[in-house]
Amino acid sequence: MPTERKVQQVADLEERLNRTVMAIGLDYRGLSVGQMRALRVALREQEPSMELRVIKNTLLKRAAENAGKPGVFELANQATALVLGYEEEIAPPKALKKYLRESRLEIPIHGGYLDGEVLTAAQVDDLASVPSRLELMAKLAGGINGPVGGIAGGLHALLRELAAIIDARAEQLAADAPVEDAAPAQHDPGAEPPADSTSDDTPDSAAPDNDATGADDSDNTPTPTESSDE
């Protein structure tokens, strides 16, 4: 008859397995308390919610069956510690591999559990080399921003050159423009031509009027006097 404490432990582990996206089983024998603590810190640096739990095999089997993930129990082998990741699938293998490399420790890995499949130790190691989501997003952003930044810089330079050309042209036109008072009058096609002083249309009052003098030039011419010899 399981005790109340064991029932609570199974329920707690079942809840964790339901949230787990990636689990790794490893043999913790040979690790000191300090090394286990350092491993926990390294895991949480990679993913704050990640945790390392030492679990009894009998409790793990019940919790895995209750959670509908019986394959997790295959990770159990004598002394078993589970690395549980709740956010990104590749975070646990990456964190574990980094810790083993930096600490130069050799910890036997029983295998992994991902998407209902049991993974071998070699497959877990391969997952550690897969780029994380943040790394992929950074590469994608860099690939997009590079061309966009180049295009934006080119457009900015082009607009700057165009503005300089327009300003120079405006200054040239202002310098070449004639003074307004000296500008010749423009011909208006609709305006009447100016009157011609020699035109035949000169008013009669402006011309000399022989009749108005009242005398005939021939009548007023003095006649020559006759010679006295005749």
Protein backbone atom coordinates (compact mmCIF):
# COMPACT_ATOMS: atom_id res chain seq x y z
CA MET A 1 0.00 0.00 0.00
CA PRO A 2 1.70 3.27 -1.16
CA THR A 3 2.04 5.89 1.50
CA GLU A 4 0.53 9.35 1.19
CA ARG A 5 3.99 10.78 0.68
CA LYS A 6 4.74 8.49 -2.26
CA VAL A 7 1.35 9.21 -3.81
CA GLN A 8 2.14 12.93 -3.64
CA GLN A 9 5.60 12.36 -5.14
CA VAL A 10 4.11 10.44 -8.06
CA ALA A 11 1.50 13.15 -8.66
CA ASP A 12 4.17 15.85 -8.55
CA LEU A 13 6.40 13.99 -11.01
CA GLU A 14 3.44 13.27 -13.29
CA GLU A 15 2.64 16.97 -13.47
CA ARG A 16 6.24 17.74 -14.42
CA LEU A 17 6.31 15.05 -17.11
CA ASN A 18 3.13 16.48 -18.62
CA ARG A 19 4.92 19.82 -19.09
CA THR A 20 8.22 18.35 -20.22
CA VAL A 21 9.23 18.85 -23.87
CA MET A 22 12.58 17.07 -23.51
CA ALA A 23 13.94 14.67 -20.88
CA ILE A 24 17.41 13.19 -20.51
CA GLY A 25 18.31 10.33 -18.20
CA LEU A 26 21.82 10.16 -16.83
CA ASP A 27 23.76 8.18 -14.23
CA TYR A 28 24.69 10.51 -11.40
CA ARG A 29 26.81 8.02 -9.52
CA GLY A 30 30.28 9.36 -8.87
CA LEU A 31 29.16 12.99 -8.72
CA SER A 32 29.71 14.91 -5.52
CA VAL A 33 27.12 17.17 -3.95
CA GLY A 34 29.05 20.20 -5.24
CA GLN A 35 29.17 18.81 -8.76
CA MET A 36 25.44 18.10 -8.72
CA ARG A 37 24.83 21.68 -7.57
CA ALA A 38 27.08 23.04 -10.32
CA LEU A 39 25.19 20.96 -12.88
CA ARG A 40 21.87 22.40 -11.72
CA VAL A 41 23.24 25.94 -12.02
CA ALA A 42 24.56 25.26 -15.53
CA LEU A 43 21.19 23.92 -16.64
CA ARG A 44 19.31 26.94 -15.32
CA GLU A 45 21.71 29.32 -17.01
CA GLN A 46 20.67 27.78 -20.31
CA GLU A 47 16.98 27.74 -19.43
CA PRO A 48 15.73 29.10 -16.06
CA SER A 49 12.91 26.57 -15.82
CA MET A 50 15.14 23.56 -16.52
CA GLU A 51 15.79 21.28 -13.56
CA LEU A 52 17.68 18.19 -12.45
CA ARG A 53 15.82 15.69 -10.31
CA VAL A 54 17.00 12.46 -8.71
CA ILE A 55 14.09 10.02 -8.90
CA LYS A 56 13.44 6.51 -7.72
CA ASN A 57 12.76 4.15 -10.59
CA THR A 58 9.53 2.80 -9.12
CA LEU A 59 8.08 6.29 -8.77
CA LEU A 60 9.24 7.24 -12.28
CA LYS A 61 7.49 4.24 -13.80
CA ARG A 62 4.14 5.10 -12.19
CA ALA A 63 4.38 8.77 -13.04
CA ALA A 64 5.36 8.07 -16.67
CA GLU A 65 2.41 5.70 -17.12
CA ASN A 66 -0.01 8.16 -15.53
CA ALA A 67 1.28 10.97 -17.78
CA GLY A 68 0.86 8.85 -20.91
CA LYS A 69 4.62 8.85 -21.56
CA PRO A 70 5.72 5.31 -20.66
CA GLY A 71 8.85 5.71 -22.81
CA VAL A 72 10.35 8.02 -20.20
CA PHE A 73 10.78 5.04 -17.91
CA GLU A 74 13.23 3.54 -20.41
CA LEU A 75 15.65 6.28 -19.36
CA ALA A 76 15.84 4.75 -15.90
CA ASN A 77 18.82 2.50 -15.23
CA GLN A 78 19.88 1.95 -11.64
CA ALA A 79 20.80 5.38 -10.21
CA THR A 80 18.96 7.82 -12.45
CA ALA A 81 18.74 11.60 -12.54
CA LEU A 82 16.41 13.28 -15.00
CA VAL A 83 17.14 16.54 -16.79
CA LEU A 84 13.73 18.06 -17.56
CA GLY A 85 13.29 20.88 -20.06
CA TYR A 86 9.98 22.73 -20.29
CA GLU A 87 10.52 25.32 -23.01
CA GLU A 88 12.89 24.53 -25.86
CA GLU A 89 13.53 20.95 -26.92
CA ILE A 90 17.25 21.29 -27.59
CA ALA A 91 18.03 23.31 -24.45
CA PRO A 92 18.68 20.27 -22.16
CA PRO A 93 21.22 18.54 -24.45
CA LYS A 94 23.00 21.83 -25.20
CA ALA A 95 23.27 22.73 -21.52
CA LEU A 96 24.41 19.25 -20.54
CA LYS A 97 27.06 19.09 -23.24
CA LYS A 98 28.39 22.53 -22.32
CA TYR A 99 28.69 21.56 -18.68
CA LEU A 100 30.49 18.31 -19.47
CA ARG A 101 32.91 20.13 -21.74
CA GLU A 102 33.72 22.86 -19.24
CA SER A 103 33.88 20.60 -16.18
CA ARG A 104 35.71 17.82 -18.06
CA LEU A 105 33.53 15.27 -16.34
CA GLU A 106 32.27 12.04 -17.86
CA ILE A 107 28.67 11.35 -16.94
CA PRO A 108 27.02 8.33 -18.56
CA ILE A 109 23.83 9.32 -20.46
CA HIS A 110 21.10 6.68 -20.60
CA GLY A 111 19.20 8.37 -23.42
CA GLY A 112 16.55 11.00 -24.07
CA TYR A 113 12.83 11.38 -24.64
CA LEU A 114 11.43 13.76 -27.26
CA ASP A 115 8.00 13.88 -28.93
CA GLY A 116 7.07 10.38 -27.80
CA GLU A 117 10.34 8.88 -29.05
CA VAL A 118 13.17 7.41 -26.98
CA LEU A 119 16.57 8.70 -28.11
CA THR A 120 19.96 7.11 -27.75
CA ALA A 121 22.87 8.84 -26.06
CA ALA A 122 24.39 9.56 -29.48
CA GLN A 123 21.18 11.20 -30.69
CA VAL A 124 21.09 13.36 -27.57
CA ASP A 125 24.64 14.46 -28.31
CA ASP A 126 23.67 15.31 -31.91
CA LEU A 127 20.83 17.52 -30.72
CA ALA A 128 23.31 19.60 -28.75
CA SER A 129 24.82 20.87 -32.02
CA VAL A 130 21.49 22.08 -33.42
CA PRO A 131 21.12 25.91 -33.30
CA SER A 132 18.66 27.18 -30.73
CA ARG A 133 15.65 29.30 -31.59
CA LEU A 134 17.43 32.45 -30.50
CA GLU A 135 20.44 31.60 -32.64
CA LEU A 136 18.23 30.91 -35.67
CA MET A 137 16.30 34.14 -35.16
CA ALA A 138 19.53 36.09 -34.84
CA LYS A 139 20.86 34.62 -38.08
CA LEU A 140 17.57 35.26 -39.85
CA ALA A 141 17.45 38.85 -38.62
CA GLY A 142 21.05 39.39 -39.69
CA GLY A 143 20.34 37.99 -43.15
CA ILE A 144 17.36 40.31 -43.57
CA ASN A 145 18.87 43.44 -42.07
CA GLY A 146 22.01 43.17 -44.19
CA PRO A 147 20.35 43.71 -47.62
CA VAL A 148 17.75 46.07 -46.19
CA GLY A 149 20.42 48.16 -44.54
CA GLY A 150 22.40 48.32 -47.78
CA ILE A 151 19.34 49.38 -49.79
CA ALA A 152 18.39 52.00 -47.22
CA GLY A 153 21.92 53.41 -47.23
CA GLY A 154 21.97 53.54 -51.04
CA LEU A 155 18.61 55.32 -51.21
CA HIS A 156 19.72 57.82 -48.60
CA ALA A 157 22.87 58.63 -50.55
CA LEU A 158 20.89 58.93 -53.81
CA LEU A 159 18.39 61.32 -52.25
CA ARG A 160 21.22 63.38 -50.79
CA GLU A 161 22.88 63.69 -54.22
CA LEU A 162 19.57 64.56 -55.88
CA ALA A 163 18.92 67.32 -53.34
CA ALA A 164 22.39 68.75 -53.97
CA ILE A 165 21.77 68.79 -57.76
CA ILE A 166 18.43 70.54 -57.32
CA ASP A 167 19.96 73.18 -55.04
CA ALA A 168 22.80 73.83 -57.48
CA ARG A 169 20.38 74.18 -60.40
CA ALA A 170 18.20 76.58 -58.43
CA GLU A 171 21.22 78.77 -57.63
CA GLN A 172 22.26 78.76 -61.31
CA LEU A 173 18.80 79.84 -62.48
CA ALA A 174 18.70 82.60 -59.89
CA ALA A 175 22.09 83.92 -61.05
CA ASP A 176 21.15 83.85 -64.76
CA ALA A 177 17.76 85.54 -64.35
CA PRO A 178 17.70 89.22 -65.81
CA VAL A 179 16.80 92.21 -63.66
CA GLU A 180 13.06 92.67 -63.63
CA ASP A 181 13.09 96.43 -64.72
CA ALA A 182 15.32 95.70 -67.70
CA ALA A 183 13.29 92.82 -68.94
CA PRO A 184 11.82 93.43 -72.43
CA ALA A 185 8.11 93.67 -72.68
CA GLN A 186 6.64 90.48 -73.88
CA HIS A 187 4.48 90.56 -76.97
CA ASP A 188 0.83 89.90 -76.35
CA PRO A 189 -0.71 88.25 -79.42
CA GLY A 190 -4.12 89.56 -78.41
CA ALA A 191 -3.08 93.22 -78.05
CA GLU A 192 -3.71 95.80 -80.83
CA PRO A 193 -0.60 97.06 -82.65
CA PRO A 194 0.50 100.66 -81.75
CA ALA A 195 -0.71 103.49 -83.98
CA ASP A 196 1.62 104.54 -86.86
CA SER A 197 2.27 108.28 -87.02
CA THR A 198 2.70 108.03 -90.82
CA SER A 199 -0.48 106.12 -91.32
CA ASP A 200 -3.09 107.32 -93.73
CA ASP A 201 -5.52 107.17 -90.84
CA THR A 202 -4.16 110.44 -89.42
CA PRO A 203 -7.14 112.62 -88.49
CA ASP A 204 -7.94 115.46 -90.89
CA SER A 205 -7.47 118.02 -88.16
CA ALA A 206 -3.82 117.13 -87.93
CA ALA A 207 -3.10 117.79 -91.67
CA PRO A 208 -2.76 121.28 -93.13
CA ASP A 209 -5.99 122.46 -94.78
CA ASN A 210 -5.53 124.54 -97.85
CA ASP A 211 -9.17 125.49 -97.86
CA ALA A 212 -8.95 126.63 -94.33
CA THR A 213 -6.43 129.35 -95.27
CA GLY A 214 -9.11 130.68 -97.50
CA ALA A 215 -6.78 131.86 -100.28
CA ASP A 216 -5.64 130.42 -103.52
CA ASP A 217 -1.91 130.59 -103.83
CA SER A 218 -2.16 131.60 -107.45
CA ASP A 219 -4.26 134.68 -106.66
CA ASN A 220 -1.92 135.94 -104.05
CA THR A 221 1.21 135.66 -106.23
CA PRO A 222 2.29 139.18 -107.18
CA THR A 223 2.35 139.89 -110.90
CA PRO A 224 5.54 141.14 -112.38
CA THR A 225 5.52 144.86 -113.40
CA GLU A 226 5.77 145.78 -117.01
CA SER A 227 8.95 147.24 -118.31
CA SER A 228 9.02 151.01 -118.85
CA ASP A 229 10.68 150.62 -122.23
CA GLU A 230 7.51 149.29 -123.64
